Amino acid sequence: MIKGFIFDLDGVITDTAELHYEAWKHLSDDMDWEFDRELNEKLRGISRMDSIKVIMDHNHVTLDDATVAELATKKNDIYVASLDHMTPDDYLPGALELLTHLRSEGFKVALGSASKNAIKVLKQLNATHFFDVIGDGNSVSKSKPEPDIFLYAAEKLGLPPENCIVFEDAEKGIDAAKAGKFHNVGIGPEERVGHADIRFDTMKEATLFEVKSHFKDLF
C-alpha cells in the first residue's frame, strides 16, 4: 500500500530552473566558457559539483579542486541571492493543490532533492509544513542517479521503498527512483521522463485522483 510521497523540488514543486540557468550563465560568462540552454538541460537533477564538472568537460577545462569548489560557491551565491525574490506565488500549477490534498488524506510526505538550498526555497514558498522529512544535498554524499536521497527520505519516513511514490522531472531522478525500487511519476516530456511508471506533461495534470487511478492496486 502507498503510504508516502517523495518529491523532487526543482521542476516539481517550483521552477527554479531559470534561476539556476542565469547563475550558471553568469559564472560561465565570467570565465569565458561556452554555456547555453542545451548544455543546461544536462544539469537537470544533478548536484552543483557534478554540474560544474559537466560545464568544464564541455569546455575542455581542467582546474584544481580548490578552484572548482570556489567557482561552485560563487555560482551558488548568485543563485541564493535570486531566491530572495521567490514567494508563495511561485509554486508550479498543481503542486500546492497536490501537497494540500496529501496532507488532508494523511499521507506521509518527504522532499528528496539534490539542492543544498532546499530549506531556503521551501521557506520562501511557505511550504515547510507540508513535509515530514526534508532530504536535500546535505543529507547524502551520492547524488542522483544513485538512489541514496530517496532511500534516505523513505527511511526517515519509516517506510520501505515499495510503500512510496517518487515525483521527478529529471531523467536521472527517475533512474534513481527505479534503482531504489520506488514507484515513480515523471513530470515532463516523453524524451526526458518517458521511462517513468507514469508520466504527466505538467504537475497540474498529476492530481492525486490520476495517480491513484494508475496505481489503483496500491491504494
Protein backbone atom coordinates (compact mmCIF):
# COMPACT_ATOMS: atom_id res chain seq x y z
CA MET A 1 0.00 0.00 0.00
CA ILE A 2 1.17 3.52 -0.78
CA LYS A 3 1.69 5.48 2.43
CA GLY A 4 4.28 8.06 1.43
CA PHE A 5 5.13 10.51 -1.32
CA ILE A 6 8.64 11.82 -2.03
CA PHE A 7 9.06 14.93 -4.15
CA ASP A 8 11.96 16.39 -6.04
CA LEU A 9 11.97 20.19 -5.70
CA ASP A 10 13.13 21.96 -8.86
CA GLY A 11 10.70 21.35 -11.70
CA VAL A 12 8.18 19.57 -9.48
CA ILE A 13 7.22 21.84 -6.56
CA THR A 14 8.57 25.06 -8.06
CA ASP A 15 10.64 26.01 -11.06
CA THR A 16 13.97 27.43 -10.04
CA ALA A 17 15.48 26.13 -13.28
CA GLU A 18 15.62 29.61 -14.81
CA LEU A 19 17.38 30.98 -11.73
CA HIS A 20 19.93 28.16 -11.92
CA TYR A 21 20.42 28.80 -15.62
CA GLU A 22 21.01 32.51 -15.06
CA ALA A 23 23.52 31.80 -12.27
CA TRP A 24 25.48 29.28 -14.34
CA LYS A 25 25.38 31.62 -17.33
CA HIS A 26 26.73 34.48 -15.20
CA LEU A 27 29.60 32.30 -13.94
CA SER A 28 30.36 30.91 -17.40
CA ASP A 29 30.43 34.37 -18.95
CA ASP A 30 32.86 35.49 -16.25
CA MET A 31 35.10 32.51 -17.08
CA ASP A 32 34.73 32.87 -20.88
CA TRP A 33 33.16 29.42 -21.01
CA GLU A 34 30.52 28.36 -23.51
CA PHE A 35 27.17 27.74 -21.83
CA ASP A 36 23.71 27.59 -23.40
CA ARG A 37 20.28 26.12 -22.70
CA GLU A 38 21.12 22.83 -24.40
CA LEU A 39 24.06 22.28 -22.04
CA ASN A 40 21.92 23.50 -19.13
CA GLU A 41 19.49 20.61 -19.76
CA LYS A 42 22.29 18.17 -18.90
CA LEU A 43 22.46 19.69 -15.41
CA ARG A 44 18.84 18.86 -14.59
CA GLY A 45 18.61 16.81 -11.39
CA ILE A 46 22.34 16.62 -10.59
CA SER A 47 24.38 18.25 -7.84
CA ARG A 48 26.22 21.57 -8.04
CA MET A 49 29.67 19.95 -8.12
CA ASP A 50 28.60 17.47 -10.79
CA SER A 51 27.09 20.35 -12.76
CA ILE A 52 30.27 22.41 -12.84
CA LYS A 53 32.20 19.32 -13.96
CA VAL A 54 29.78 18.89 -16.87
CA ILE A 55 30.34 22.52 -17.88
CA MET A 56 34.11 22.21 -17.54
CA ASP A 57 34.17 18.98 -19.58
CA HIS A 58 32.14 20.67 -22.31
CA ASN A 59 34.68 23.49 -22.40
CA HIS A 60 37.69 21.15 -22.14
CA VAL A 61 38.78 22.89 -18.94
CA THR A 62 40.77 21.36 -16.09
CA LEU A 63 41.12 23.13 -12.75
CA ASP A 64 42.37 22.11 -9.31
CA ASP A 65 39.78 21.01 -6.76
CA ALA A 66 40.05 24.17 -4.67
CA THR A 67 39.33 26.41 -7.66
CA VAL A 68 36.38 24.24 -8.75
CA ALA A 69 34.90 24.44 -5.24
CA GLU A 70 35.43 28.22 -5.19
CA LEU A 71 33.63 28.64 -8.53
CA ALA A 72 30.77 26.39 -7.44
CA THR A 73 30.37 28.52 -4.31
CA LYS A 74 30.36 31.67 -6.46
CA LYS A 75 27.57 30.25 -8.61
CA ASN A 76 25.63 29.30 -5.50
CA ASP A 77 25.96 32.80 -4.06
CA ILE A 78 24.46 34.24 -7.27
CA TYR A 79 21.63 31.70 -7.15
CA VAL A 80 20.86 32.13 -3.43
CA ALA A 81 20.63 35.91 -3.83
CA SER A 82 17.98 35.39 -6.52
CA LEU A 83 15.89 33.21 -4.16
CA ASP A 84 15.04 36.24 -2.04
CA HIS A 85 12.55 37.22 -4.74
CA MET A 86 10.60 33.92 -4.54
CA THR A 87 7.15 34.00 -2.93
CA PRO A 88 4.26 31.56 -2.27
CA ASP A 89 3.03 32.54 -5.74
CA ASP A 90 5.92 30.54 -7.23
CA TYR A 91 4.52 27.03 -6.83
CA LEU A 92 4.20 25.23 -10.13
CA PRO A 93 0.50 24.98 -11.08
CA GLY A 94 -0.99 21.95 -9.34
CA ALA A 95 1.81 21.46 -6.81
CA LEU A 96 0.22 23.33 -3.91
CA GLU A 97 -3.12 21.61 -4.53
CA LEU A 98 -1.48 18.16 -4.51
CA LEU A 99 0.51 18.82 -1.33
CA THR A 100 -2.62 20.13 0.38
CA HIS A 101 -4.61 17.07 -0.74
CA LEU A 102 -1.93 14.66 0.52
CA ARG A 103 -1.93 16.38 3.91
CA SER A 104 -5.71 16.18 4.19
CA GLU A 105 -5.66 12.44 3.37
CA GLY A 106 -2.95 11.71 5.93
CA PHE A 107 -0.12 10.58 3.66
CA LYS A 108 3.48 10.99 4.78
CA VAL A 109 5.44 13.42 2.59
CA ALA A 110 9.17 13.94 2.11
CA LEU A 111 11.43 16.06 -0.04
CA GLY A 112 14.17 14.28 -1.99
CA SER A 113 16.18 17.00 -3.72
CA ALA A 114 19.82 17.38 -4.79
CA SER A 115 19.60 21.07 -3.89
CA LYS A 116 21.57 22.29 -0.88
CA ASN A 117 19.26 25.31 -0.77
CA ALA A 118 16.03 23.33 -0.48
CA ILE A 119 15.13 24.59 3.00
CA LYS A 120 15.52 28.21 1.87
CA VAL A 121 13.27 27.56 -1.15
CA LEU A 122 10.61 25.85 0.97
CA LYS A 123 10.61 28.77 3.41
CA GLN A 124 10.20 31.27 0.56
CA LEU A 125 7.24 29.22 -0.71
CA ASN A 126 5.82 28.85 2.83
CA ALA A 127 5.85 25.10 2.13
CA THR A 128 7.87 23.66 5.03
CA HIS A 129 4.78 22.47 6.91
CA PHE A 130 3.81 20.12 4.07
CA PHE A 131 6.90 17.94 4.61
CA ASP A 132 7.51 15.41 7.37
CA VAL A 133 11.08 14.90 6.18
CA ILE A 134 13.44 17.10 4.17
CA GLY A 135 16.15 15.26 2.27
CA ASP A 136 18.48 17.58 0.35
CA GLY A 137 22.00 17.87 -1.00
CA ASN A 138 23.30 17.97 2.57
CA SER A 139 21.67 14.65 3.52
CA VAL A 140 23.66 12.16 1.42
CA SER A 141 27.01 12.09 -0.38
CA LYS A 142 25.94 10.37 -3.62
CA SER A 143 23.61 12.33 -5.89
CA LYS A 144 21.15 11.06 -8.49
CA PRO A 145 21.13 8.74 -10.46
CA GLU A 146 22.15 6.96 -7.25
CA PRO A 147 19.00 6.28 -5.17
CA ASP A 148 20.52 7.46 -1.86
CA ILE A 149 18.43 10.63 -1.40
CA PHE A 150 15.16 8.74 -1.90
CA LEU A 151 16.29 5.88 0.36
CA TYR A 152 17.22 8.46 3.00
CA ALA A 153 13.78 10.09 2.74
CA ALA A 154 11.94 6.76 2.92
CA GLU A 155 13.97 5.63 5.92
CA LYS A 156 13.23 8.88 7.76
CA LEU A 157 9.53 8.45 6.93
CA GLY A 158 9.73 4.93 8.35
CA LEU A 159 8.59 3.36 5.08
CA PRO A 160 10.09 0.82 2.66
CA PRO A 161 10.51 1.99 -0.97
CA GLU A 162 7.59 -0.12 -2.18
CA ASN A 163 5.24 1.94 0.00
CA CYS A 164 6.35 5.24 -1.58
CA ILE A 165 5.81 7.14 -4.82
CA VAL A 166 8.56 9.46 -6.08
CA PHE A 167 7.75 12.53 -8.20
CA GLU A 168 10.61 13.58 -10.51
CA ASP A 169 11.15 15.80 -13.56
CA ALA A 170 14.69 14.63 -14.43
CA GLU A 171 15.87 11.56 -16.31
CA LYS A 172 18.50 10.87 -13.64
CA GLY A 173 15.84 11.32 -10.96
CA ILE A 174 13.63 8.62 -12.47
CA ASP A 175 16.73 6.44 -12.82
CA ALA A 176 17.40 6.98 -9.10
CA ALA A 177 13.82 6.12 -8.14
CA LYS A 178 13.94 2.94 -10.20
CA ALA A 179 17.32 1.97 -8.75
CA GLY A 180 15.82 2.30 -5.26
CA LYS A 181 12.76 0.22 -6.22
CA PHE A 182 10.34 3.12 -5.76
CA HIS A 183 7.09 3.60 -7.64
CA ASN A 184 7.58 6.77 -9.66
CA VAL A 185 5.83 9.58 -11.51
CA GLY A 186 7.61 11.55 -14.23
CA ILE A 187 6.82 15.21 -14.81
CA GLY A 188 7.88 16.45 -18.23
CA PRO A 189 8.33 15.36 -21.84
CA GLU A 190 8.48 11.78 -23.08
CA GLU A 191 12.11 12.08 -24.18
CA ARG A 192 13.16 13.01 -20.64
CA VAL A 193 10.95 11.00 -18.27
CA GLY A 194 9.18 8.58 -20.57
CA HIS A 195 10.71 5.66 -18.66
CA ALA A 196 8.75 6.54 -15.51
CA ASP A 197 5.92 4.28 -14.32
CA ILE A 198 3.52 7.03 -15.39
CA ARG A 199 4.23 10.40 -16.97
CA PHE A 200 2.43 13.74 -17.00
CA ASP A 201 3.39 16.78 -19.01
CA THR A 202 2.88 19.06 -16.01
CA MET A 203 2.17 18.91 -12.28
CA LYS A 204 -1.28 20.32 -12.93
CA GLU A 205 -2.24 17.02 -14.58
CA ALA A 206 -0.65 14.90 -11.86
CA THR A 207 -3.57 15.04 -9.45
CA LEU A 208 -3.98 12.56 -6.61
CA PHE A 209 -7.01 11.15 -8.44
CA GLU A 210 -4.94 10.45 -11.58
CA VAL A 211 -2.07 8.96 -9.59
CA LYS A 212 -4.44 6.74 -7.61
CA SER A 213 -6.11 5.66 -10.86
CA HIS A 214 -2.80 4.48 -12.29
CA PHE A 215 -1.58 2.77 -9.12
CA LYS A 216 -5.09 1.57 -8.19
CA ASP A 217 -3.88 -1.76 -6.81
CA LEU A 218 -1.64 0.06 -4.33
CA PHE A 219 -4.23 2.25 -2.60
